């Protein structure tokens, strides 16, 4: 996991988003910022890529992604949530998960 820092405003948005997710009934094991914001290469039009890891996720990725992305709509529409089950995050070494573990910033 990267040891970088992120903008305080973005961090506060993501902490609020985590609270919204948990209040919807999805316990969040971890949230990891990745992509351009984690690399410090974001532009004005960049989305905020966030990996949401939970034991309640991993059954229907498209439905879960839709729900997670609906939850952020009024908070900040730049957020793009990517659901990952706790089991997959711990045990599967896909390029996607490997990238998040190597370069992501845990929130």
PDB file of N, CA and C in Angstrom:
ATOM      1  N   UNK A   1       0.848  -1.171   0.000  1.00  0.00           N
ATOM      2  CA  UNK A   1       0.000   0.000   0.000  1.00  0.00           C
ATOM      3  C   UNK A   1       0.896   1.236   0.000  1.00  0.00           C
ATOM      4  N   UNK A   2       0.564   2.195  -0.812  1.00  0.00           N
ATOM      5  CA  UNK A   2       1.338   3.427  -0.901  1.00  0.00           C
ATOM      6  C   UNK A   2       1.229   4.208   0.407  1.00  0.00           C
ATOM      7  N   UNK A   3       2.267   4.941   0.741  1.00  0.00           N
ATOM      8  CA  UNK A   3       2.280   5.751   1.962  1.00  0.00           C
ATOM      9  C   UNK A   3       2.144   7.228   1.609  1.00  0.00           C
ATOM     10  N   UNK A   4       1.379   7.542   0.610  1.00  0.00           N
ATOM     11  CA  UNK A   4       1.197   8.912   0.159  1.00  0.00           C
ATOM     12  C   UNK A   4       0.074   9.570   0.944  1.00  0.00           C
ATOM     13  N   UNK A   5       0.028  10.874   0.826  1.00  0.00           N
ATOM     14  CA  UNK A   5      -1.069  11.610   1.447  1.00  0.00           C
ATOM     15  C   UNK A   5      -1.986  12.112   0.346  1.00  0.00           C
ATOM     16  N   UNK A   6      -3.213  12.416   0.735  1.00  0.00           N
ATOM     17  CA  UNK A   6      -4.163  12.957  -0.229  1.00  0.00           C
ATOM     18  C   UNK A   6      -4.703  14.276   0.299  1.00  0.00           C
ATOM     19  N   UNK A   7      -5.251  15.047  -0.601  1.00  0.00           N
ATOM     20  CA  UNK A   7      -5.857  16.322  -0.271  1.00  0.00           C
ATOM     21  C   UNK A   7      -6.893  16.135   0.840  1.00  0.00           C
ATOM     22  N   UNK A   8      -6.861  17.020   1.823  1.00  0.00           N
ATOM     23  CA  UNK A   8      -7.768  16.908   2.973  1.00  0.00           C
ATOM     24  C   UNK A   8      -9.234  16.940   2.546  1.00  0.00           C
ATOM     25  N   UNK A   9      -9.558  17.756   1.550  1.00  0.00           N
ATOM     26  CA  UNK A   9     -10.943  17.855   1.079  1.00  0.00           C
ATOM     27  C   UNK A   9     -11.412  16.517   0.494  1.00  0.00           C
ATOM     28  N   UNK A  10     -10.563  15.892  -0.319  1.00  0.00           N
ATOM     29  CA  UNK A  10     -10.900  14.590  -0.918  1.00  0.00           C
ATOM     30  C   UNK A  10     -11.024  13.532   0.176  1.00  0.00           C
ATOM     31  N   UNK A  11     -10.107  13.546   1.126  1.00  0.00           N
ATOM     32  CA  UNK A  11     -10.168  12.571   2.221  1.00  0.00           C
ATOM     33  C   UNK A  11     -11.474  12.720   2.996  1.00  0.00           C
ATOM     34  N   UNK A  12     -11.875  13.945   3.288  1.00  0.00           N
ATOM     35  CA  UNK A  12     -13.126  14.174   4.017  1.00  0.00           C
ATOM     36  C   UNK A  12     -14.338  13.698   3.221  1.00  0.00           C
ATOM     37  N   UNK A  13     -14.328  13.917   1.906  1.00  0.00           N
ATOM     38  CA  UNK A  13     -15.411  13.425   1.044  1.00  0.00           C
ATOM     39  C   UNK A  13     -15.488  11.902   1.134  1.00  0.00           C
ATOM     40  N   UNK A  14     -14.332  11.247   1.071  1.00  0.00           N
ATOM     41  CA  UNK A  14     -14.307   9.782   1.095  1.00  0.00           C
ATOM     42  C   UNK A  14     -14.682   9.219   2.464  1.00  0.00           C
ATOM     43  N   UNK A  15     -14.320   9.908   3.525  1.00  0.00           N
ATOM     44  CA  UNK A  15     -14.744   9.467   4.859  1.00  0.00           C
ATOM     45  C   UNK A  15     -16.258   9.584   5.006  1.00  0.00           C
ATOM     46  N   UNK A  16     -16.824  10.645   4.473  1.00  0.00           N
ATOM     47  CA  UNK A  16     -18.284  10.810   4.494  1.00  0.00           C
ATOM     48  C   UNK A  16     -18.940   9.727   3.636  1.00  0.00           C
ATOM     49  N   UNK A  17     -18.342   9.416   2.482  1.00  0.00           N
ATOM     50  CA  UNK A  17     -18.867   8.371   1.606  1.00  0.00           C
ATOM     51  C   UNK A  17     -18.856   7.015   2.320  1.00  0.00           C
ATOM     52  N   UNK A  18     -17.777   6.729   3.026  1.00  0.00           N
ATOM     53  CA  UNK A  18     -17.695   5.475   3.786  1.00  0.00           C
ATOM     54  C   UNK A  18     -18.851   5.392   4.783  1.00  0.00           C
ATOM     55  N   UNK A  19     -19.116   6.490   5.464  1.00  0.00           N
ATOM     56  CA  UNK A  19     -20.219   6.542   6.428  1.00  0.00           C
ATOM     57  C   UNK A  19     -21.563   6.268   5.740  1.00  0.00           C
ATOM     58  N   UNK A  20     -21.766   6.846   4.570  1.00  0.00           N
ATOM     59  CA  UNK A  20     -23.001   6.633   3.805  1.00  0.00           C
ATOM     60  C   UNK A  20     -23.144   5.159   3.430  1.00  0.00           C
ATOM     61  N   UNK A  21     -22.052   4.548   2.970  1.00  0.00           N
ATOM     62  CA  UNK A  21     -22.075   3.127   2.598  1.00  0.00           C
ATOM     63  C   UNK A  21     -22.448   2.276   3.814  1.00  0.00           C
ATOM     64  N   UNK A  22     -21.784   2.535   4.929  1.00  0.00           N
ATOM     65  CA  UNK A  22     -22.047   1.739   6.130  1.00  0.00           C
ATOM     66  C   UNK A  22     -23.480   1.933   6.623  1.00  0.00           C
ATOM     67  N   UNK A  23     -23.999   3.152   6.516  1.00  0.00           N
ATOM     68  CA  UNK A  23     -25.385   3.409   6.921  1.00  0.00           C
ATOM     69  C   UNK A  23     -26.392   2.725   5.998  1.00  0.00           C
ATOM     70  N   UNK A  24     -25.954   2.342   4.798  1.00  0.00           N
ATOM     71  CA  UNK A  24     -26.841   1.632   3.868  1.00  0.00           C
ATOM     72  C   UNK A  24     -26.871   0.128   4.146  1.00  0.00           C
ATOM     73  N   UNK A  25     -26.073  -0.327   5.114  1.00  0.00           N
ATOM     74  CA  UNK A  25     -26.066  -1.742   5.468  1.00  0.00           C
ATOM     75  C   UNK A  25     -24.891  -2.532   4.933  1.00  0.00           C
ATOM     76  N   UNK A  26     -23.917  -1.857   4.346  1.00  0.00           N
ATOM     77  CA  UNK A  26     -22.726  -2.540   3.828  1.00  0.00           C
ATOM     78  C   UNK A  26     -21.553  -2.218   4.752  1.00  0.00           C
ATOM     79  N   UNK A  27     -21.092  -3.188   5.551  1.00  0.00           N
ATOM     80  CA  UNK A  27     -19.939  -2.925   6.414  1.00  0.00           C
ATOM     81  C   UNK A  27     -18.669  -2.816   5.561  1.00  0.00           C
ATOM     82  N   UNK A  28     -17.932  -1.744   5.735  1.00  0.00           N
ATOM     83  CA  UNK A  28     -16.733  -1.512   4.927  1.00  0.00           C
ATOM     84  C   UNK A  28     -15.511  -1.995   5.705  1.00  0.00           C
ATOM     85  N   UNK A  29     -14.847  -3.006   5.153  1.00  0.00           N
ATOM     86  CA  UNK A  29     -13.621  -3.515   5.772  1.00  0.00           C
ATOM     87  C   UNK A  29     -12.464  -2.567   5.484  1.00  0.00           C
ATOM     88  N   UNK A  30     -12.413  -2.104   4.242  1.00  0.00           N
ATOM     89  CA  UNK A  30     -11.416  -1.101   3.868  1.00  0.00           C
ATOM     90  C   UNK A  30     -11.861  -0.375   2.615  1.00  0.00           C
ATOM     91  N   UNK A  31     -11.377   0.847   2.486  1.00  0.00           N
ATOM     92  CA  UNK A  31     -11.579   1.650   1.279  1.00  0.00           C
ATOM     93  C   UNK A  31     -10.202   2.098   0.830  1.00  0.00           C
ATOM     94  N   UNK A  32      -9.932   1.926  -0.460  1.00  0.00           N
ATOM     95  CA  UNK A  32      -8.614   2.263  -0.977  1.00  0.00           C
ATOM     96  C   UNK A  32      -8.770   3.167  -2.194  1.00  0.00           C
ATOM     97  N   UNK A  33      -8.175   4.342  -2.105  1.00  0.00           N
ATOM     98  CA  UNK A  33      -8.135   5.274  -3.226  1.00  0.00           C
ATOM     99  C   UNK A  33      -7.069   4.786  -4.199  1.00  0.00           C
ATOM    100  N   UNK A  34      -7.399   4.747  -5.481  1.00  0.00           N
ATOM    101  CA  UNK A  34      -6.408   4.345  -6.480  1.00  0.00           C
ATOM    102  C   UNK A  34      -6.592   5.194  -7.724  1.00  0.00           C
ATOM    103  N   UNK A  35      -5.776   4.983  -8.724  1.00  0.00           N
ATOM    104  CA  UNK A  35      -5.892   5.760  -9.954  1.00  0.00           C
ATOM    105  C   UNK A  35      -5.182   7.098  -9.850  1.00  0.00           C
ATOM    106  N   UNK A  36      -5.644   8.061 -10.634  1.00  0.00           N
ATOM    107  CA  UNK A  36      -4.938   9.340 -10.752  1.00  0.00           C
ATOM    108  C   UNK A  36      -4.840  10.101  -9.434  1.00  0.00           C
ATOM    109  N   UNK A  37      -5.861  10.050  -8.594  1.00  0.00           N
ATOM    110  CA  UNK A  37      -5.786  10.756  -7.303  1.00  0.00           C
ATOM    111  C   UNK A  37      -4.749  10.127  -6.385  1.00  0.00           C
ATOM    112  N   UNK A  38      -4.602   8.833  -6.399  1.00  0.00           N
ATOM    113  CA  UNK A  38      -3.592   8.164  -5.574  1.00  0.00           C
ATOM    114  C   UNK A  38      -2.187   8.453  -6.092  1.00  0.00           C
ATOM    115  N   UNK A  39      -2.064   8.602  -7.402  1.00  0.00           N
ATOM    116  CA  UNK A  39      -0.757   8.897  -7.998  1.00  0.00           C
ATOM    117  C   UNK A  39      -0.419  10.383  -7.969  1.00  0.00           C
ATOM    118  N   UNK A  40      -1.386  11.225  -7.605  1.00  0.00           N
ATOM    119  CA  UNK A  40      -1.167  12.672  -7.619  1.00  0.00           C
ATOM    120  C   UNK A  40      -1.167  13.239  -9.023  1.00  0.00           C
ATOM    121  N   UNK A  41      -1.825  12.552  -9.965  1.00  0.00           N
ATOM    122  CA  UNK A  41      -1.850  12.979 -11.365  1.00  0.00           C
ATOM    123  C   UNK A  41      -3.253  13.348 -11.829  1.00  0.00           C
ATOM    124  N   UNK A  42      -4.136  13.656 -10.887  1.00  0.00           N
ATOM    125  CA  UNK A  42      -5.511  13.982 -11.246  1.00  0.00           C
ATOM    126  C   UNK A  42      -5.585  15.301 -12.012  1.00  0.00           C
ATOM    127  N   UNK A  43      -6.625  15.367 -12.851  1.00  0.00           N
ATOM    128  CA  UNK A  43      -6.940  16.595 -13.582  1.00  0.00           C
ATOM    129  C   UNK A  43      -8.299  17.074 -13.085  1.00  0.00           C
ATOM    130  N   UNK A  44      -8.705  18.205 -13.576  1.00  0.00           N
ATOM    131  CA  UNK A  44      -9.985  18.782 -13.162  1.00  0.00           C
ATOM    132  C   UNK A  44     -11.152  17.824 -13.435  1.00  0.00           C
ATOM    133  N   UNK A  45     -11.069  17.071 -14.532  1.00  0.00           N
ATOM    134  CA  UNK A  45     -12.164  16.178 -14.920  1.00  0.00           C
ATOM    135  C   UNK A  45     -11.945  14.719 -14.496  1.00  0.00           C
ATOM    136  N   UNK A  46     -10.959  14.463 -13.651  1.00  0.00           N
ATOM    137  CA  UNK A  46     -10.671  13.087 -13.216  1.00  0.00           C
ATOM    138  C   UNK A  46     -11.739  12.569 -12.266  1.00  0.00           C
ATOM    139  N   UNK A  47     -12.021  11.269 -12.388  1.00  0.00           N
ATOM    140  CA  UNK A  47     -12.903  10.667 -11.397  1.00  0.00           C
ATOM    141  C   UNK A  47     -12.066  10.255 -10.187  1.00  0.00           C
ATOM    142  N   UNK A  48     -12.748   9.972  -9.092  1.00  0.00           N
ATOM    143  CA  UNK A  48     -12.092   9.560  -7.853  1.00  0.00           C
ATOM    144  C   UNK A  48     -12.339   8.059  -7.712  1.00  0.00           C
ATOM    145  N   UNK A  49     -11.347   7.262  -8.119  1.00  0.00           N
ATOM    146  CA  UNK A  49     -11.488   5.803  -8.085  1.00  0.00           C
ATOM    147  C   UNK A  49     -11.285   5.301  -6.668  1.00  0.00           C
ATOM    148  N   UNK A  50     -12.264   4.529  -6.194  1.00  0.00           N
ATOM    149  CA  UNK A  50     -12.189   3.998  -4.840  1.00  0.00           C
ATOM    150  C   UNK A  50     -12.592   2.520  -4.841  1.00  0.00           C
ATOM    151  N   UNK A  51     -11.766   1.703  -4.245  1.00  0.00           N
ATOM    152  CA  UNK A  51     -12.067   0.282  -4.077  1.00  0.00           C
ATOM    153  C   UNK A  51     -12.740   0.119  -2.716  1.00  0.00           C
ATOM    154  N   UNK A  52     -13.926  -0.471  -2.713  1.00  0.00           N
ATOM    155  CA  UNK A  52     -14.672  -0.711  -1.478  1.00  0.00           C
ATOM    156  C   UNK A  52     -14.633  -2.212  -1.199  1.00  0.00           C
ATOM    157  N   UNK A  53     -14.024  -2.579  -0.081  1.00  0.00           N
ATOM    158  CA  UNK A  53     -13.870  -3.987   0.287  1.00  0.00           C
ATOM    159  C   UNK A  53     -14.829  -4.303   1.433  1.00  0.00           C
ATOM    160  N   UNK A  54     -15.651  -5.337   1.219  1.00  0.00           N
ATOM    161  CA  UNK A  54     -16.628  -5.729   2.240  1.00  0.00           C
ATOM    162  C   UNK A  54     -16.981  -7.204   2.089  1.00  0.00           C
ATOM    163  N   UNK A  55     -17.295  -7.817   3.210  1.00  0.00           N
ATOM    164  CA  UNK A  55     -17.755  -9.211   3.181  1.00  0.00           C
ATOM    165  C   UNK A  55     -19.137  -9.324   2.540  1.00  0.00           C
ATOM    166  N   UNK A  56     -19.854  -8.218   2.425  1.00  0.00           N
ATOM    167  CA  UNK A  56     -21.189  -8.223   1.804  1.00  0.00           C
ATOM    168  C   UNK A  56     -21.121  -8.033   0.294  1.00  0.00           C
ATOM    169  N   UNK A  57     -19.943  -7.823  -0.236  1.00  0.00           N
ATOM    170  CA  UNK A  57     -19.791  -7.605  -1.677  1.00  0.00           C
ATOM    171  C   UNK A  57     -19.194  -8.843  -2.332  1.00  0.00           C
ATOM    172  N   UNK A  58     -19.278  -8.891  -3.658  1.00  0.00           N
ATOM    173  CA  UNK A  58     -18.661  -9.981  -4.398  1.00  0.00           C
ATOM    174  C   UNK A  58     -19.630 -10.982  -4.988  1.00  0.00           C
ATOM    175  N   UNK A  59     -20.917 -10.715  -4.857  1.00  0.00           N
ATOM    176  CA  UNK A  59     -21.910 -11.653  -5.391  1.00  0.00           C
ATOM    177  C   UNK A  59     -22.404 -11.249  -6.775  1.00  0.00           C
ATOM    178  N   UNK A  60     -22.609  -9.957  -6.992  1.00  0.00           N
ATOM    179  CA  UNK A  60     -23.112  -9.438  -8.268  1.00  0.00           C
ATOM    180  C   UNK A  60     -22.465  -8.076  -8.513  1.00  0.00           C
ATOM    181  N   UNK A  61     -21.311  -8.095  -9.143  1.00  0.00           N
ATOM    182  CA  UNK A  61     -20.486  -6.893  -9.279  1.00  0.00           C
ATOM    183  C   UNK A  61     -21.219  -5.710  -9.912  1.00  0.00           C
ATOM    184  N   UNK A  62     -21.970  -5.942 -10.970  1.00  0.00           N
ATOM    185  CA  UNK A  62     -22.647  -4.835 -11.651  1.00  0.00           C
ATOM    186  C   UNK A  62     -23.718  -4.202 -10.766  1.00  0.00           C
ATOM    187  N   UNK A  63     -24.511  -5.015 -10.086  1.00  0.00           N
ATOM    188  CA  UNK A  63     -25.542  -4.492  -9.184  1.00  0.00           C
ATOM    189  C   UNK A  63     -24.898  -3.749  -8.020  1.00  0.00           C
ATOM    190  N   UNK A  64     -23.845  -4.327  -7.460  1.00  0.00           N
ATOM    191  CA  UNK A  64     -23.148  -3.698  -6.334  1.00  0.00           C
ATOM    192  C   UNK A  64     -22.497  -2.386  -6.752  1.00  0.00           C
ATOM    193  N   UNK A  65     -21.898  -2.365  -7.935  1.00  0.00           N
ATOM    194  CA  UNK A  65     -21.284  -1.139  -8.434  1.00  0.00           C
ATOM    195  C   UNK A  65     -22.354  -0.062  -8.615  1.00  0.00           C
ATOM    196  N   UNK A  66     -23.498  -0.461  -9.155  1.00  0.00           N
ATOM    197  CA  UNK A  66     -24.601   0.478  -9.332  1.00  0.00           C
ATOM    198  C   UNK A  66     -25.066   1.056  -8.005  1.00  0.00           C
ATOM    199  N   UNK A  67     -25.205   0.203  -7.004  1.00  0.00           N
ATOM    200  CA  UNK A  67     -25.646   0.676  -5.685  1.00  0.00           C
ATOM    201  C   UNK A  67     -24.614   1.612  -5.071  1.00  0.00           C
ATOM    202  N   UNK A  68     -23.342   1.223  -5.104  1.00  0.00           N
ATOM    203  CA  UNK A  68     -22.294   2.063  -4.526  1.00  0.00           C
ATOM    204  C   UNK A  68     -22.215   3.413  -5.233  1.00  0.00           C
ATOM    205  N   UNK A  69     -22.354   3.396  -6.541  1.00  0.00           N
ATOM    206  CA  UNK A  69     -22.270   4.653  -7.282  1.00  0.00           C
ATOM    207  C   UNK A  69     -23.527   5.503  -7.102  1.00  0.00           C
ATOM    208  N   UNK A  70     -24.670   4.891  -6.850  1.00  0.00           N
ATOM    209  CA  UNK A  70     -25.884   5.650  -6.538  1.00  0.00           C
ATOM    210  C   UNK A  70     -25.731   6.363  -5.199  1.00  0.00           C
ATOM    211  N   UNK A  71     -25.105   5.704  -4.232  1.00  0.00           N
ATOM    212  CA  UNK A  71     -24.974   6.263  -2.887  1.00  0.00           C
ATOM    213  C   UNK A  71     -24.150   7.550  -2.848  1.00  0.00           C
ATOM    214  N   UNK A  72     -23.232   7.729  -3.768  1.00  0.00           N
ATOM    215  CA  UNK A  72     -22.377   8.919  -3.732  1.00  0.00           C
ATOM    216  C   UNK A  72     -22.947  10.093  -4.515  1.00  0.00           C
ATOM    217  N   UNK A  73     -24.008   9.886  -5.256  1.00  0.00           N
ATOM    218  CA  UNK A  73     -24.447  10.869  -6.240  1.00  0.00           C
ATOM    219  C   UNK A  73     -24.590  12.281  -5.681  1.00  0.00           C
ATOM    220  N   UNK A  74     -25.240  12.442  -4.537  1.00  0.00           N
ATOM    221  CA  UNK A  74     -25.433  13.779  -3.980  1.00  0.00           C
ATOM    222  C   UNK A  74     -24.195  14.286  -3.240  1.00  0.00           C
ATOM    223  N   UNK A  75     -23.294  13.407  -2.895  1.00  0.00           N
ATOM    224  CA  UNK A  75     -22.074  13.792  -2.185  1.00  0.00           C
ATOM    225  C   UNK A  75     -21.034  14.354  -3.145  1.00  0.00           C
ATOM    226  N   UNK A  76     -20.656  13.563  -4.148  1.00  0.00           N
ATOM    227  CA  UNK A  76     -19.661  13.996  -5.135  1.00  0.00           C
ATOM    228  C   UNK A  76     -19.733  13.036  -6.318  1.00  0.00           C
ATOM    229  N   UNK A  77     -20.178  13.545  -7.461  1.00  0.00           N
ATOM    230  CA  UNK A  77     -20.385  12.653  -8.608  1.00  0.00           C
ATOM    231  C   UNK A  77     -19.096  12.257  -9.318  1.00  0.00           C
ATOM    232  N   UNK A  78     -17.953  12.690  -8.819  1.00  0.00           N
ATOM    233  CA  UNK A  78     -16.672  12.235  -9.389  1.00  0.00           C
ATOM    234  C   UNK A  78     -16.281  10.855  -8.873  1.00  0.00           C
ATOM    235  N   UNK A  79     -16.889  10.414  -7.779  1.00  0.00           N
ATOM    236  CA  UNK A  79     -16.526   9.123  -7.182  1.00  0.00           C
ATOM    237  C   UNK A  79     -16.943   7.985  -8.109  1.00  0.00           C
ATOM    238  N   UNK A  80     -16.020   7.073  -8.325  1.00  0.00           N
ATOM    239  CA  UNK A  80     -16.319   5.841  -9.060  1.00  0.00           C
ATOM    240  C   UNK A  80     -15.913   4.675  -8.168  1.00  0.00           C
ATOM    241  N   UNK A  81     -16.913   4.015  -7.611  1.00  0.00           N
ATOM    242  CA  UNK A  81     -16.674   2.935  -6.658  1.00  0.00           C
ATOM    243  C   UNK A  81     -16.544   1.591  -7.362  1.00  0.00           C
ATOM    244  N   UNK A  82     -15.622   0.784  -6.872  1.00  0.00           N
ATOM    245  CA  UNK A  82     -15.376  -0.551  -7.414  1.00  0.00           C
ATOM    246  C   UNK A  82     -15.496  -1.553  -6.261  1.00  0.00           C
ATOM    247  N   UNK A  83     -16.551  -2.383  -6.264  1.00  0.00           N
ATOM    248  CA  UNK A  83     -16.758  -3.333  -5.169  1.00  0.00           C
ATOM    249  C   UNK A  83     -15.845  -4.553  -5.275  1.00  0.00           C
ATOM    250  N   UNK A  84     -15.307  -4.967  -4.122  1.00  0.00           N
ATOM    251  CA  UNK A  84     -14.474  -6.169  -4.053  1.00  0.00           C
ATOM    252  C   UNK A  84     -14.825  -6.885  -2.753  1.00  0.00           C
ATOM    253  N   UNK A  85     -15.009  -8.189  -2.835  1.00  0.00           N
ATOM    254  CA  UNK A  85     -15.296  -8.951  -1.613  1.00  0.00           C
ATOM    255  C   UNK A  85     -14.032  -9.038  -0.759  1.00  0.00           C
ATOM    256  N   UNK A  86     -14.223  -9.190   0.537  1.00  0.00           N
ATOM    257  CA  UNK A  86     -13.089  -9.335   1.461  1.00  0.00           C
ATOM    258  C   UNK A  86     -12.227 -10.529   1.070  1.00  0.00           C
ATOM    259  N   UNK A  87     -12.889 -11.623   0.727  1.00  0.00           N
ATOM    260  CA  UNK A  87     -12.181 -12.852   0.348  1.00  0.00           C
ATOM    261  C   UNK A  87     -11.313 -12.618  -0.887  1.00  0.00           C
ATOM    262  N   UNK A  88     -11.882 -11.985  -1.915  1.00  0.00           N
ATOM    263  CA  UNK A  88     -11.120 -11.731  -3.136  1.00  0.00           C
ATOM    264  C   UNK A  88      -9.951 -10.784  -2.876  1.00  0.00           C
ATOM    265  N   UNK A  89     -10.171  -9.765  -2.071  1.00  0.00           N
ATOM    266  CA  UNK A  89      -9.107  -8.801  -1.791  1.00  0.00           C
ATOM    267  C   UNK A  89      -7.923  -9.488  -1.110  1.00  0.00           C
ATOM    268  N   UNK A  90      -8.219 -10.430  -0.230  1.00  0.00           N
ATOM    269  CA  UNK A  90      -7.166 -11.125   0.514  1.00  0.00           C
ATOM    270  C   UNK A  90      -6.471 -12.200  -0.308  1.00  0.00           C
ATOM    271  N   UNK A  91      -7.210 -12.863  -1.206  1.00  0.00           N
ATOM    272  CA  UNK A  91      -6.648 -14.070  -1.818  1.00  0.00           C
ATOM    273  C   UNK A  91      -6.410 -14.027  -3.316  1.00  0.00           C
ATOM    274  N   UNK A  92      -7.064 -13.151  -4.028  1.00  0.00           N
ATOM    275  CA  UNK A  92      -6.928 -13.154  -5.483  1.00  0.00           C
ATOM    276  C   UNK A  92      -5.910 -12.106  -5.915  1.00  0.00           C
ATOM    277  N   UNK A  93      -5.018 -12.505  -6.798  1.00  0.00           N
ATOM    278  CA  UNK A  93      -3.959 -11.609  -7.256  1.00  0.00           C
ATOM    279  C   UNK A  93      -4.189 -11.187  -8.705  1.00  0.00           C
ATOM    280  N   UNK A  94      -5.351 -10.609  -8.985  1.00  0.00           N
ATOM    281  CA  UNK A  94      -5.599 -10.089 -10.329  1.00  0.00           C
ATOM    282  C   UNK A  94      -4.771  -8.821 -10.512  1.00  0.00           C
ATOM    283  N   UNK A  95      -4.516  -8.424 -11.752  1.00  0.00           N
ATOM    284  CA  UNK A  95      -3.796  -7.163 -11.973  1.00  0.00           C
ATOM    285  C   UNK A  95      -4.496  -5.979 -11.296  1.00  0.00           C
ATOM    286  N   UNK A  96      -5.829  -5.964 -11.309  1.00  0.00           N
ATOM    287  CA  UNK A  96      -6.603  -4.886 -10.688  1.00  0.00           C
ATOM    288  C   UNK A  96      -6.329  -4.810  -9.185  1.00  0.00           C
ATOM    289  N   UNK A  97      -6.461  -5.924  -8.483  1.00  0.00           N
ATOM    290  CA  UNK A  97      -6.250  -5.935  -7.032  1.00  0.00           C
ATOM    291  C   UNK A  97      -4.779  -5.707  -6.696  1.00  0.00           C
ATOM    292  N   UNK A  98      -3.877  -6.263  -7.480  1.00  0.00           N
ATOM    293  CA  UNK A  98      -2.445  -6.050  -7.250  1.00  0.00           C
ATOM    294  C   UNK A  98      -2.081  -4.574  -7.371  1.00  0.00           C
ATOM    295  N   UNK A  99      -2.645  -3.896  -8.355  1.00  0.00           N
ATOM    296  CA  UNK A  99      -2.404  -2.456  -8.549  1.00  0.00           C
ATOM    297  C   UNK A  99      -2.906  -1.655  -7.351  1.00  0.00           C
ATOM    298  N   UNK A 100      -4.081  -1.998  -6.869  1.00  0.00           N
ATOM    299  CA  UNK A 100      -4.657  -1.298  -5.718  1.00  0.00           C
ATOM    300  C   UNK A 100      -3.782  -1.500  -4.481  1.00  0.00           C
ATOM    301  N   UNK A 101      -3.350  -2.732  -4.244  1.00  0.00           N
ATOM    302  CA  UNK A 101      -2.522  -3.012  -3.070  1.00  0.00           C
ATOM    303  C   UNK A 101      -1.161  -2.322  -3.155  1.00  0.00           C
ATOM    304  N   UNK A 102      -0.620  -2.228  -4.348  1.00  0.00           N
ATOM    305  CA  UNK A 102       0.711  -1.650  -4.509  1.00  0.00           C
ATOM    306  C   UNK A 102       0.695  -0.124  -4.484  1.00  0.00           C
ATOM    307  N   UNK A 103      -0.268   0.492  -5.173  1.00  0.00           N
ATOM    308  CA  UNK A 103      -0.246   1.942  -5.355  1.00  0.00           C
ATOM    309  C   UNK A 103      -1.370   2.689  -4.643  1.00  0.00           C
ATOM    310  N   UNK A 104      -2.329   1.961  -4.082  1.00  0.00           N
ATOM    311  CA  UNK A 104      -3.478   2.613  -3.469  1.00  0.00           C
ATOM    312  C   UNK A 104      -3.160   3.263  -2.132  1.00  0.00           C
ATOM    313  N   UNK A 105      -4.076   4.133  -1.720  1.00  0.00           N
ATOM    314  CA  UNK A 105      -3.967   4.812  -0.428  1.00  0.00           C
ATOM    315  C   UNK A 105      -5.203   4.448   0.381  1.00  0.00           C
ATOM    316  N   UNK A 106      -4.986   3.783   1.501  1.00  0.00           N
ATOM    317  CA  UNK A 106      -6.123   3.369   2.324  1.00  0.00           C
ATOM    318  C   UNK A 106      -6.733   4.578   3.022  1.00  0.00           C
ATOM    319  N   UNK A 107      -8.064   4.616   3.003  1.00  0.00           N
ATOM    320  CA  UNK A 107      -8.808   5.721   3.627  1.00  0.00           C
ATOM    321  C   UNK A 107      -9.295   5.266   4.993  1.00  0.00           C
TER     322      UNK A 107
END
